[in-house]
PDB file of N, CA and C in Angstrom:
ATOM      1  N   MET A   1      35.173  -3.022   8.893  1.00  0.00           N
ATOM      2  CA  MET A   1      34.253  -3.940   8.270  1.00  0.00           C
ATOM      3  C   MET A   1      32.900  -3.241   8.101  1.00  0.00           C
ATOM      4  N   THR A   2      32.375  -3.238   6.893  1.00  0.00           N
ATOM      5  CA  THR A   2      31.110  -2.606   6.586  1.00  0.00           C
ATOM      6  C   THR A   2      30.015  -3.659   6.506  1.00  0.00           C
ATOM      7  N   GLU A   3      28.921  -3.381   7.179  1.00  0.00           N
ATOM      8  CA  GLU A   3      27.797  -4.301   7.122  1.00  0.00           C
ATOM      9  C   GLU A   3      26.925  -3.960   5.927  1.00  0.00           C
ATOM     10  N   GLU A   4      26.438  -4.986   5.266  1.00  0.00           N
ATOM     11  CA  GLU A   4      25.513  -4.773   4.159  1.00  0.00           C
ATOM     12  C   GLU A   4      24.150  -5.303   4.559  1.00  0.00           C
ATOM     13  N   PHE A   5      23.149  -4.525   4.254  1.00  0.00           N
ATOM     14  CA  PHE A   5      21.785  -4.911   4.568  1.00  0.00           C
ATOM     15  C   PHE A   5      20.987  -5.036   3.281  1.00  0.00           C
ATOM     16  N   THR A   6      20.072  -5.964   3.268  1.00  0.00           N
ATOM     17  CA  THR A   6      19.151  -6.086   2.143  1.00  0.00           C
ATOM     18  C   THR A   6      17.740  -5.903   2.674  1.00  0.00           C
ATOM     19  N   ARG A   7      16.892  -5.434   1.834  1.00  0.00           N
ATOM     20  CA  ARG A   7      15.506  -5.197   2.218  1.00  0.00           C
ATOM     21  C   ARG A   7      14.791  -6.545   2.357  1.00  0.00           C
ATOM     22  N   PHE A   8      14.085  -6.734   3.465  1.00  0.00           N
ATOM     23  CA  PHE A   8      13.328  -7.954   3.704  1.00  0.00           C
ATOM     24  C   PHE A   8      12.087  -7.952   2.821  1.00  0.00           C
ATOM     25  N   ASP A   9      11.839  -9.065   2.164  1.00  0.00           N
ATOM     26  CA  ASP A   9      10.655  -9.213   1.322  1.00  0.00           C
ATOM     27  C   ASP A   9       9.976 -10.525   1.689  1.00  0.00           C
ATOM     28  N   ALA A  10       8.851 -10.428   2.375  1.00  0.00           N
ATOM     29  CA  ALA A  10       8.127 -11.620   2.824  1.00  0.00           C
ATOM     30  C   ALA A  10       7.754 -12.520   1.655  1.00  0.00           C
ATOM     31  N   ALA A  11       7.514 -11.958   0.484  1.00  0.00           N
ATOM     32  CA  ALA A  11       7.110 -12.742  -0.681  1.00  0.00           C
ATOM     33  C   ALA A  11       8.133 -13.829  -1.019  1.00  0.00           C
ATOM     34  N   GLU A  12       9.388 -13.586  -0.714  1.00  0.00           N
ATOM     35  CA  GLU A  12      10.435 -14.565  -1.010  1.00  0.00           C
ATOM     36  C   GLU A  12      10.336 -15.814  -0.142  1.00  0.00           C
ATOM     37  N   TYR A  13       9.616 -15.726   0.970  1.00  0.00           N
ATOM     38  CA  TYR A  13       9.529 -16.833   1.918  1.00  0.00           C
ATOM     39  C   TYR A  13       8.186 -17.547   1.878  1.00  0.00           C
ATOM     40  N   LEU A  14       7.282 -17.072   1.049  1.00  0.00           N
ATOM     41  CA  LEU A  14       5.948 -17.661   0.958  1.00  0.00           C
ATOM     42  C   LEU A  14       5.926 -18.667  -0.182  1.00  0.00           C
ATOM     43  N   LYS A  15       6.347 -19.874   0.111  1.00  0.00           N
ATOM     44  CA  LYS A  15       6.522 -20.905  -0.920  1.00  0.00           C
ATOM     45  C   LYS A  15       5.335 -21.845  -1.063  1.00  0.00           C
ATOM     46  N   THR A  16       4.638 -22.133   0.027  1.00  0.00           N
ATOM     47  CA  THR A  16       3.554 -23.107  -0.018  1.00  0.00           C
ATOM     48  C   THR A  16       2.226 -22.450   0.356  1.00  0.00           C
ATOM     49  N   PRO A  17       1.118 -23.065  -0.035  1.00  0.00           N
ATOM     50  CA  PRO A  17      -0.183 -22.534   0.388  1.00  0.00           C
ATOM     51  C   PRO A  17      -0.308 -22.464   1.912  1.00  0.00           C
ATOM     52  N   GLU A  18       0.302 -23.401   2.599  1.00  0.00           N
ATOM     53  CA  GLU A  18       0.260 -23.393   4.066  1.00  0.00           C
ATOM     54  C   GLU A  18       1.022 -22.193   4.627  1.00  0.00           C
ATOM     55  N   ASP A  19       2.168 -21.869   4.023  1.00  0.00           N
ATOM     56  CA  ASP A  19       2.928 -20.679   4.438  1.00  0.00           C
ATOM     57  C   ASP A  19       2.090 -19.426   4.263  1.00  0.00           C
ATOM     58  N   MET A  20       1.433 -19.338   3.120  1.00  0.00           N
ATOM     59  CA  MET A  20       0.635 -18.158   2.799  1.00  0.00           C
ATOM     60  C   MET A  20      -0.549 -18.017   3.750  1.00  0.00           C
ATOM     61  N   ALA A  21      -1.227 -19.132   4.020  1.00  0.00           N
ATOM     62  CA  ALA A  21      -2.376 -19.098   4.933  1.00  0.00           C
ATOM     63  C   ALA A  21      -1.942 -18.729   6.347  1.00  0.00           C
ATOM     64  N   ALA A  22      -0.835 -19.285   6.815  1.00  0.00           N
ATOM     65  CA  ALA A  22      -0.349 -18.988   8.160  1.00  0.00           C
ATOM     66  C   ALA A  22       0.060 -17.515   8.274  1.00  0.00           C
ATOM     67  N   TYR A  23       0.702 -16.999   7.245  1.00  0.00           N
ATOM     68  CA  TYR A  23       1.119 -15.593   7.220  1.00  0.00           C
ATOM     69  C   TYR A  23      -0.098 -14.674   7.277  1.00  0.00           C
ATOM     70  N   LEU A  24      -1.099 -14.942   6.434  1.00  0.00           N
ATOM     71  CA  LEU A  24      -2.292 -14.118   6.423  1.00  0.00           C
ATOM     72  C   LEU A  24      -3.041 -14.223   7.745  1.00  0.00           C
ATOM     73  N   ASP A  25      -3.121 -15.423   8.293  1.00  0.00           N
ATOM     74  CA  ASP A  25      -3.791 -15.625   9.575  1.00  0.00           C
ATOM     75  C   ASP A  25      -3.103 -14.809  10.681  1.00  0.00           C
ATOM     76  N   ALA A  26      -1.780 -14.817  10.703  1.00  0.00           N
ATOM     77  CA  ALA A  26      -1.034 -14.034  11.693  1.00  0.00           C
ATOM     78  C   ALA A  26      -1.293 -12.539  11.501  1.00  0.00           C
ATOM     79  N   CYS A  27      -1.403 -12.110  10.255  1.00  0.00           N
ATOM     80  CA  CYS A  27      -1.675 -10.699   9.988  1.00  0.00           C
ATOM     81  C   CYS A  27      -3.083 -10.312  10.421  1.00  0.00           C
ATOM     82  N   PHE A  28      -4.044 -11.223  10.263  1.00  0.00           N
ATOM     83  CA  PHE A  28      -5.393 -10.957  10.778  1.00  0.00           C
ATOM     84  C   PHE A  28      -5.334 -10.751  12.287  1.00  0.00           C
ATOM     85  N   ASP A  29      -4.559 -11.567  12.970  1.00  0.00           N
ATOM     86  CA  ASP A  29      -4.443 -11.451  14.429  1.00  0.00           C
ATOM     87  C   ASP A  29      -3.801 -10.137  14.853  1.00  0.00           C
ATOM     88  N   GLU A  30      -2.854  -9.636  14.084  1.00  0.00           N
ATOM     89  CA  GLU A  30      -2.081  -8.458  14.468  1.00  0.00           C
ATOM     90  C   GLU A  30      -2.595  -7.146  13.886  1.00  0.00           C
ATOM     91  N   ASP A  31      -3.501  -7.209  12.918  1.00  0.00           N
ATOM     92  CA  ASP A  31      -3.986  -5.990  12.275  1.00  0.00           C
ATOM     93  C   ASP A  31      -4.672  -5.086  13.298  1.00  0.00           C
ATOM     94  N   ALA A  32      -4.441  -3.803  13.179  1.00  0.00           N
ATOM     95  CA  ALA A  32      -4.988  -2.823  14.127  1.00  0.00           C
ATOM     96  C   ALA A  32      -6.461  -2.534  13.900  1.00  0.00           C
ATOM     97  N   GLY A  33      -7.041  -3.132  12.880  1.00  0.00           N
ATOM     98  CA  GLY A  33      -8.446  -2.894  12.587  1.00  0.00           C
ATOM     99  C   GLY A  33      -8.664  -1.990  11.398  1.00  0.00           C
ATOM    100  N   ASP A  34      -7.579  -1.458  10.851  1.00  0.00           N
ATOM    101  CA  ASP A  34      -7.700  -0.578   9.693  1.00  0.00           C
ATOM    102  C   ASP A  34      -7.440  -1.306   8.376  1.00  0.00           C
ATOM    103  N   GLY A  35      -7.049  -2.564   8.446  1.00  0.00           N
ATOM    104  CA  GLY A  35      -6.830  -3.366   7.247  1.00  0.00           C
ATOM    105  C   GLY A  35      -5.488  -3.175   6.572  1.00  0.00           C
ATOM    106  N   VAL A  36      -4.659  -2.292   7.101  1.00  0.00           N
ATOM    107  CA  VAL A  36      -3.363  -2.012   6.468  1.00  0.00           C
ATOM    108  C   VAL A  36      -2.497  -3.267   6.418  1.00  0.00           C
ATOM    109  N   LEU A  37      -2.428  -3.991   7.510  1.00  0.00           N
ATOM    110  CA  LEU A  37      -1.591  -5.187   7.562  1.00  0.00           C
ATOM    111  C   LEU A  37      -2.147  -6.292   6.664  1.00  0.00           C
ATOM    112  N   ILE A  38      -3.456  -6.420   6.607  1.00  0.00           N
ATOM    113  CA  ILE A  38      -4.097  -7.426   5.755  1.00  0.00           C
ATOM    114  C   ILE A  38      -3.799  -7.119   4.285  1.00  0.00           C
ATOM    115  N   ARG A  39      -3.955  -5.863   3.914  1.00  0.00           N
ATOM    116  CA  ARG A  39      -3.681  -5.452   2.536  1.00  0.00           C
ATOM    117  C   ARG A  39      -2.226  -5.713   2.164  1.00  0.00           C
ATOM    118  N   ALA A  40      -1.315  -5.412   3.072  1.00  0.00           N
ATOM    119  CA  ALA A  40       0.109  -5.660   2.819  1.00  0.00           C
ATOM    120  C   ALA A  40       0.382  -7.151   2.690  1.00  0.00           C
ATOM    121  N   ALA A  41      -0.246  -7.958   3.520  1.00  0.00           N
ATOM    122  CA  ALA A  41      -0.046  -9.409   3.454  1.00  0.00           C
ATOM    123  C   ALA A  41      -0.579  -9.964   2.134  1.00  0.00           C
ATOM    124  N   LEU A  42      -1.750  -9.508   1.713  1.00  0.00           N
ATOM    125  CA  LEU A  42      -2.296  -9.970   0.431  1.00  0.00           C
ATOM    126  C   LEU A  42      -1.389  -9.545  -0.720  1.00  0.00           C
ATOM    127  N   ASN A  43      -0.790  -8.365  -0.615  1.00  0.00           N
ATOM    128  CA  ASN A  43       0.163  -7.913  -1.623  1.00  0.00           C
ATOM    129  C   ASN A  43       1.370  -8.848  -1.665  1.00  0.00           C
ATOM    130  N   ASP A  44       1.914  -9.186  -0.501  1.00  0.00           N
ATOM    131  CA  ASP A  44       3.069 -10.093  -0.437  1.00  0.00           C
ATOM    132  C   ASP A  44       2.726 -11.454  -1.035  1.00  0.00           C
ATOM    133  N   ILE A  45       1.561 -11.974  -0.677  1.00  0.00           N
ATOM    134  CA  ILE A  45       1.160 -13.299  -1.159  1.00  0.00           C
ATOM    135  C   ILE A  45       0.921 -13.263  -2.668  1.00  0.00           C
ATOM    136  N   ALA A  46       0.282 -12.214  -3.157  1.00  0.00           N
ATOM    137  CA  ALA A  46       0.037 -12.082  -4.595  1.00  0.00           C
ATOM    138  C   ALA A  46       1.354 -11.986  -5.363  1.00  0.00           C
ATOM    139  N   ARG A  47       2.318 -11.246  -4.824  1.00  0.00           N
ATOM    140  CA  ARG A  47       3.627 -11.157  -5.483  1.00  0.00           C
ATOM    141  C   ARG A  47       4.340 -12.503  -5.471  1.00  0.00           C
ATOM    142  N   ALA A  48       4.183 -13.248  -4.384  1.00  0.00           N
ATOM    143  CA  ALA A  48       4.812 -14.568  -4.295  1.00  0.00           C
ATOM    144  C   ALA A  48       4.243 -15.518  -5.353  1.00  0.00           C
ATOM    145  N   GLN A  49       2.959 -15.393  -5.638  1.00  0.00           N
ATOM    146  CA  GLN A  49       2.323 -16.283  -6.625  1.00  0.00           C
ATOM    147  C   GLN A  49       2.431 -15.744  -8.043  1.00  0.00           C
ATOM    148  N   GLY A  50       2.714 -14.463  -8.173  1.00  0.00           N
ATOM    149  CA  GLY A  50       2.787 -13.833  -9.491  1.00  0.00           C
ATOM    150  C   GLY A  50       1.601 -12.906  -9.678  1.00  0.00           C
ATOM    151  N   MET A  51       1.852 -11.630  -9.601  1.00  0.00           N
ATOM    152  CA  MET A  51       0.789 -10.632  -9.626  1.00  0.00           C
ATOM    153  C   MET A  51      -0.057 -10.712 -10.893  1.00  0.00           C
ATOM    154  N   THR A  52       0.561 -10.963 -12.030  1.00  0.00           N
ATOM    155  CA  THR A  52      -0.183 -11.024 -13.289  1.00  0.00           C
ATOM    156  C   THR A  52      -1.185 -12.173 -13.274  1.00  0.00           C
ATOM    157  N   GLN A  53      -0.760 -13.334 -12.804  1.00  0.00           N
ATOM    158  CA  GLN A  53      -1.656 -14.490 -12.763  1.00  0.00           C
ATOM    159  C   GLN A  53      -2.769 -14.289 -11.746  1.00  0.00           C
ATOM    160  N   VAL A  54      -2.445 -13.728 -10.598  1.00  0.00           N
ATOM    161  CA  VAL A  54      -3.461 -13.476  -9.570  1.00  0.00           C
ATOM    162  C   VAL A  54      -4.498 -12.487 -10.104  1.00  0.00           C
ATOM    163  N   ALA A  55      -4.045 -11.431 -10.763  1.00  0.00           N
ATOM    164  CA  ALA A  55      -4.973 -10.449 -11.341  1.00  0.00           C
ATOM    165  C   ALA A  55      -5.893 -11.122 -12.351  1.00  0.00           C
ATOM    166  N   ARG A  56      -5.323 -11.948 -13.205  1.00  0.00           N
ATOM    167  CA  ARG A  56      -6.111 -12.663 -14.219  1.00  0.00           C
ATOM    168  C   ARG A  56      -7.144 -13.561 -13.539  1.00  0.00           C
ATOM    169  N   ASP A  57      -6.715 -14.339 -12.541  1.00  0.00           N
ATOM    170  CA  ASP A  57      -7.614 -15.262 -11.842  1.00  0.00           C
ATOM    171  C   ASP A  57      -8.708 -14.535 -11.071  1.00  0.00           C
ATOM    172  N   ALA A  58      -8.419 -13.318 -10.626  1.00  0.00           N
ATOM    173  CA  ALA A  58      -9.391 -12.527  -9.868  1.00  0.00           C
ATOM    174  C   ALA A  58     -10.303 -11.709 -10.774  1.00  0.00           C
ATOM    175  N   GLY A  59      -9.989 -11.688 -12.069  1.00  0.00           N
ATOM    176  CA  GLY A  59     -10.783 -10.904 -13.006  1.00  0.00           C
ATOM    177  C   GLY A  59     -10.516  -9.411 -12.897  1.00  0.00           C
ATOM    178  N   LEU A  60      -9.288  -9.076 -12.521  1.00  0.00           N
ATOM    179  CA  LEU A  60      -8.898  -7.676 -12.353  1.00  0.00           C
ATOM    180  C   LEU A  60      -7.740  -7.353 -13.289  1.00  0.00           C
ATOM    181  N   GLY A  61      -7.580  -6.096 -13.591  1.00  0.00           N
ATOM    182  CA  GLY A  61      -6.400  -5.664 -14.320  1.00  0.00           C
ATOM    183  C   GLY A  61      -5.195  -5.688 -13.380  1.00  0.00           C
ATOM    184  N   ARG A  62      -4.023  -5.966 -13.917  1.00  0.00           N
ATOM    185  CA  ARG A  62      -2.823  -6.045 -13.087  1.00  0.00           C
ATOM    186  C   ARG A  62      -2.568  -4.732 -12.360  1.00  0.00           C
ATOM    187  N   GLU A  63      -2.688  -3.623 -13.057  1.00  0.00           N
ATOM    188  CA  GLU A  63      -2.469  -2.316 -12.432  1.00  0.00           C
ATOM    189  C   GLU A  63      -3.514  -2.047 -11.355  1.00  0.00           C
ATOM    190  N   SER A  64      -4.747  -2.478 -11.584  1.00  0.00           N
ATOM    191  CA  SER A  64      -5.803  -2.305 -10.577  1.00  0.00           C
ATOM    192  C   SER A  64      -5.476  -3.093  -9.322  1.00  0.00           C
ATOM    193  N   LEU A  65      -4.930  -4.288  -9.510  1.00  0.00           N
ATOM    194  CA  LEU A  65      -4.557  -5.112  -8.358  1.00  0.00           C
ATOM    195  C   LEU A  65      -3.416  -4.470  -7.583  1.00  0.00           C
ATOM    196  N   TYR A  66      -2.399  -3.992  -8.294  1.00  0.00           N
ATOM    197  CA  TYR A  66      -1.304  -3.285  -7.621  1.00  0.00           C
ATOM    198  C   TYR A  66      -1.830  -2.105  -6.812  1.00  0.00           C
ATOM    199  N   LYS A  67      -2.725  -1.330  -7.413  1.00  0.00           N
ATOM    200  CA  LYS A  67      -3.268  -0.149  -6.736  1.00  0.00           C
ATOM    201  C   LYS A  67      -4.101  -0.551  -5.523  1.00  0.00           C
ATOM    202  N   ALA A  68      -4.949  -1.563  -5.677  1.00  0.00           N
ATOM    203  CA  ALA A  68      -5.822  -1.992  -4.577  1.00  0.00           C
ATOM    204  C   ALA A  68      -5.023  -2.486  -3.378  1.00  0.00           C
ATOM    205  N   LEU A  69      -3.904  -3.177  -3.632  1.00  0.00           N
ATOM    206  CA  LEU A  69      -3.118  -3.761  -2.556  1.00  0.00           C
ATOM    207  C   LEU A  69      -1.945  -2.897  -2.118  1.00  0.00           C
ATOM    208  N   SER A  70      -1.854  -1.683  -2.668  1.00  0.00           N
ATOM    209  CA  SER A  70      -0.760  -0.782  -2.291  1.00  0.00           C
ATOM    210  C   SER A  70      -1.027  -0.200  -0.902  1.00  0.00           C
ATOM    211  N   SER A  71      -0.024   0.453  -0.349  1.00  0.00           N
ATOM    212  CA  SER A  71      -0.162   1.034   0.986  1.00  0.00           C
ATOM    213  C   SER A  71      -1.199   2.153   1.019  1.00  0.00           C
ATOM    214  N   THR A  72      -1.504   2.724  -0.133  1.00  0.00           N
ATOM    215  CA  THR A  72      -2.517   3.780  -0.187  1.00  0.00           C
ATOM    216  C   THR A  72      -3.833   3.280  -0.771  1.00  0.00           C
ATOM    217  N   GLY A  73      -3.887   2.004  -1.100  1.00  0.00           N
ATOM    218  CA  GLY A  73      -5.098   1.436  -1.679  1.00  0.00           C
ATOM    219  C   GLY A  73      -6.229   1.343  -0.669  1.00  0.00           C
ATOM    220  N   ASN A  74      -7.441   1.313  -1.186  1.00  0.00           N
ATOM    221  CA  ASN A  74      -8.622   1.161  -0.345  1.00  0.00           C
ATOM    222  C   ASN A  74      -9.610   0.269  -1.099  1.00  0.00           C
ATOM    223  N   PRO A  75      -9.266  -1.022  -1.229  1.00  0.00           N
ATOM    224  CA  PRO A  75     -10.093  -1.906  -2.051  1.00  0.00           C
ATOM    225  C   PRO A  75     -11.450  -2.189  -1.405  1.00  0.00           C
ATOM    226  N   GLU A  76     -12.434  -2.425  -2.260  1.00  0.00           N
ATOM    227  CA  GLU A  76     -13.735  -2.842  -1.774  1.00  0.00           C
ATOM    228  C   GLU A  76     -13.618  -4.264  -1.242  1.00  0.00           C
ATOM    229  N   PHE A  77     -14.541  -4.620  -0.361  1.00  0.00           N
ATOM    230  CA  PHE A  77     -14.529  -5.966   0.206  1.00  0.00           C
ATOM    231  C   PHE A  77     -14.658  -7.020  -0.892  1.00  0.00           C
ATOM    232  N   ALA A  78     -15.459  -6.740  -1.907  1.00  0.00           N
ATOM    233  CA  ALA A  78     -15.620  -7.678  -3.017  1.00  0.00           C
ATOM    234  C   ALA A  78     -14.283  -7.931  -3.711  1.00  0.00           C
ATOM    235  N   THR A  79     -13.460  -6.904  -3.831  1.00  0.00           N
ATOM    236  CA  THR A  79     -12.137  -7.061  -4.444  1.00  0.00           C
ATOM    237  C   THR A  79     -11.262  -7.961  -3.583  1.00  0.00           C
ATOM    238  N   ILE A  80     -11.294  -7.751  -2.271  1.00  0.00           N
ATOM    239  CA  ILE A  80     -10.520  -8.587  -1.356  1.00  0.00           C
ATOM    240  C   ILE A  80     -10.937 -10.049  -1.492  1.00  0.00           C
ATOM    241  N   MET A  81     -12.238 -10.277  -1.572  1.00  0.00           N
ATOM    242  CA  MET A  81     -12.736 -11.648  -1.692  1.00  0.00           C
ATOM    243  C   MET A  81     -12.314 -12.281  -3.020  1.00  0.00           C
ATOM    244  N   LYS A  82     -12.332 -11.525  -4.105  1.00  0.00           N
ATOM    245  CA  LYS A  82     -11.877 -12.033  -5.403  1.00  0.00           C
ATOM    246  C   LYS A  82     -10.396 -12.397  -5.344  1.00  0.00           C
ATOM    247  N   VAL A  83      -9.616 -11.527  -4.723  1.00  0.00           N
ATOM    248  CA  VAL A  83      -8.177 -11.772  -4.613  1.00  0.00           C
ATOM    249  C   VAL A  83      -7.917 -13.005  -3.756  1.00  0.00           C
ATOM    250  N   MET A  84      -8.608 -13.116  -2.636  1.00  0.00           N
ATOM    251  CA  MET A  84      -8.407 -14.282  -1.771  1.00  0.00           C
ATOM    252  C   MET A  84      -8.762 -15.572  -2.497  1.00  0.00           C
ATOM    253  N   LYS A  85      -9.857 -15.554  -3.256  1.00  0.00           N
ATOM    254  CA  LYS A  85     -10.236 -16.747  -4.019  1.00  0.00           C
ATOM    255  C   LYS A  85      -9.170 -17.071  -5.066  1.00  0.00           C
ATOM    256  N   ALA A  86      -8.675 -16.046  -5.743  1.00  0.00           N
ATOM    257  CA  ALA A  86      -7.629 -16.254  -6.746  1.00  0.00           C
ATOM    258  C   ALA A  86      -6.350 -16.803  -6.119  1.00  0.00           C
ATOM    259  N   LEU A  87      -6.102 -16.452  -4.862  1.00  0.00           N
ATOM    260  CA  LEU A  87      -4.917 -16.929  -4.151  1.00  0.00           C
ATOM    261  C   LEU A  87      -5.122 -18.328  -3.568  1.00  0.00           C
ATOM    262  N   GLY A  88      -6.350 -18.831  -3.647  1.00  0.00           N
ATOM    263  CA  GLY A  88      -6.640 -20.140  -3.079  1.00  0.00           C
ATOM    264  C   GLY A  88      -6.819 -20.087  -1.569  1.00  0.00           C
ATOM    265  N   LEU A  89      -7.240 -18.923  -1.068  1.00  0.00           N
ATOM    266  CA  LEU A  89      -7.432 -18.732   0.363  1.00  0.00           C
ATOM    267  C   LEU A  89      -8.905 -18.465   0.647  1.00  0.00           C
ATOM    268  N   ARG A  90      -9.323 -18.785   1.853  1.00  0.00           N
ATOM    269  CA  ARG A  90     -10.714 -18.600   2.254  1.00  0.00           C
ATOM    270  C   ARG A  90     -10.767 -17.835   3.558  1.00  0.00           C
ATOM    271  N   LEU A  91     -11.705 -16.935   3.666  1.00  0.00           N
ATOM    272  CA  LEU A  91     -11.922 -16.165   4.887  1.00  0.00           C
ATOM    273  C   LEU A  91     -12.978 -16.881   5.711  1.00  0.00           C
ATOM    274  N   HIS A  92     -12.720 -17.065   7.001  1.00  0.00           N
ATOM    275  CA  HIS A  92     -13.743 -17.644   7.864  1.00  0.00           C
ATOM    276  C   HIS A  92     -13.660 -17.026   9.256  1.00  0.00           C
ATOM    277  N   ALA A  93     -14.743 -17.140   9.982  1.00  0.00           N
ATOM    278  CA  ALA A  93     -14.814 -16.535  11.312  1.00  0.00           C
ATOM    279  C   ALA A  93     -14.635 -17.594  12.384  1.00  0.00           C
ATOM    280  N   VAL A  94     -14.050 -17.174  13.493  1.00  0.00           N
ATOM    281  CA  VAL A  94     -13.854 -18.030  14.658  1.00  0.00           C
ATOM    282  C   VAL A  94     -14.287 -17.236  15.877  1.00  0.00           C
ATOM    283  N   ALA A  95     -15.045 -17.859  16.750  1.00  0.00           N
ATOM    284  CA  ALA A  95     -15.462 -17.179  17.971  1.00  0.00           C
ATOM    285  C   ALA A  95     -14.250 -16.967  18.881  1.00  0.00           C
ATOM    286  N   LEU A  96     -14.221 -15.823  19.530  1.00  0.00           N
ATOM    287  CA  LEU A  96     -13.102 -15.510  20.417  1.00  0.00           C
ATOM    288  C   LEU A  96     -13.289 -16.158  21.740  1.00  0.00           C
TER     289      LEU A  96
END
């Protein structure tokens, strides 16, 4: 018997705004401080909502958005904020 594996894609499970917010919040908690996990989570959420529409809503080119949220991307904070707004998400601080 041969086992078949499929690649896990978080974007397939991000159906509601609450799912997306909880996922991003968990990634904020687990990120090592380099932003890699946050960038990957925003990429997953943007793909779940439709990268073309998110790019349009953020005022970015689709290719620019792909590049900014890629594993080698290094987006400016302003870009992250535009993307979060386009995704319907808000960044806020909580005291530890």
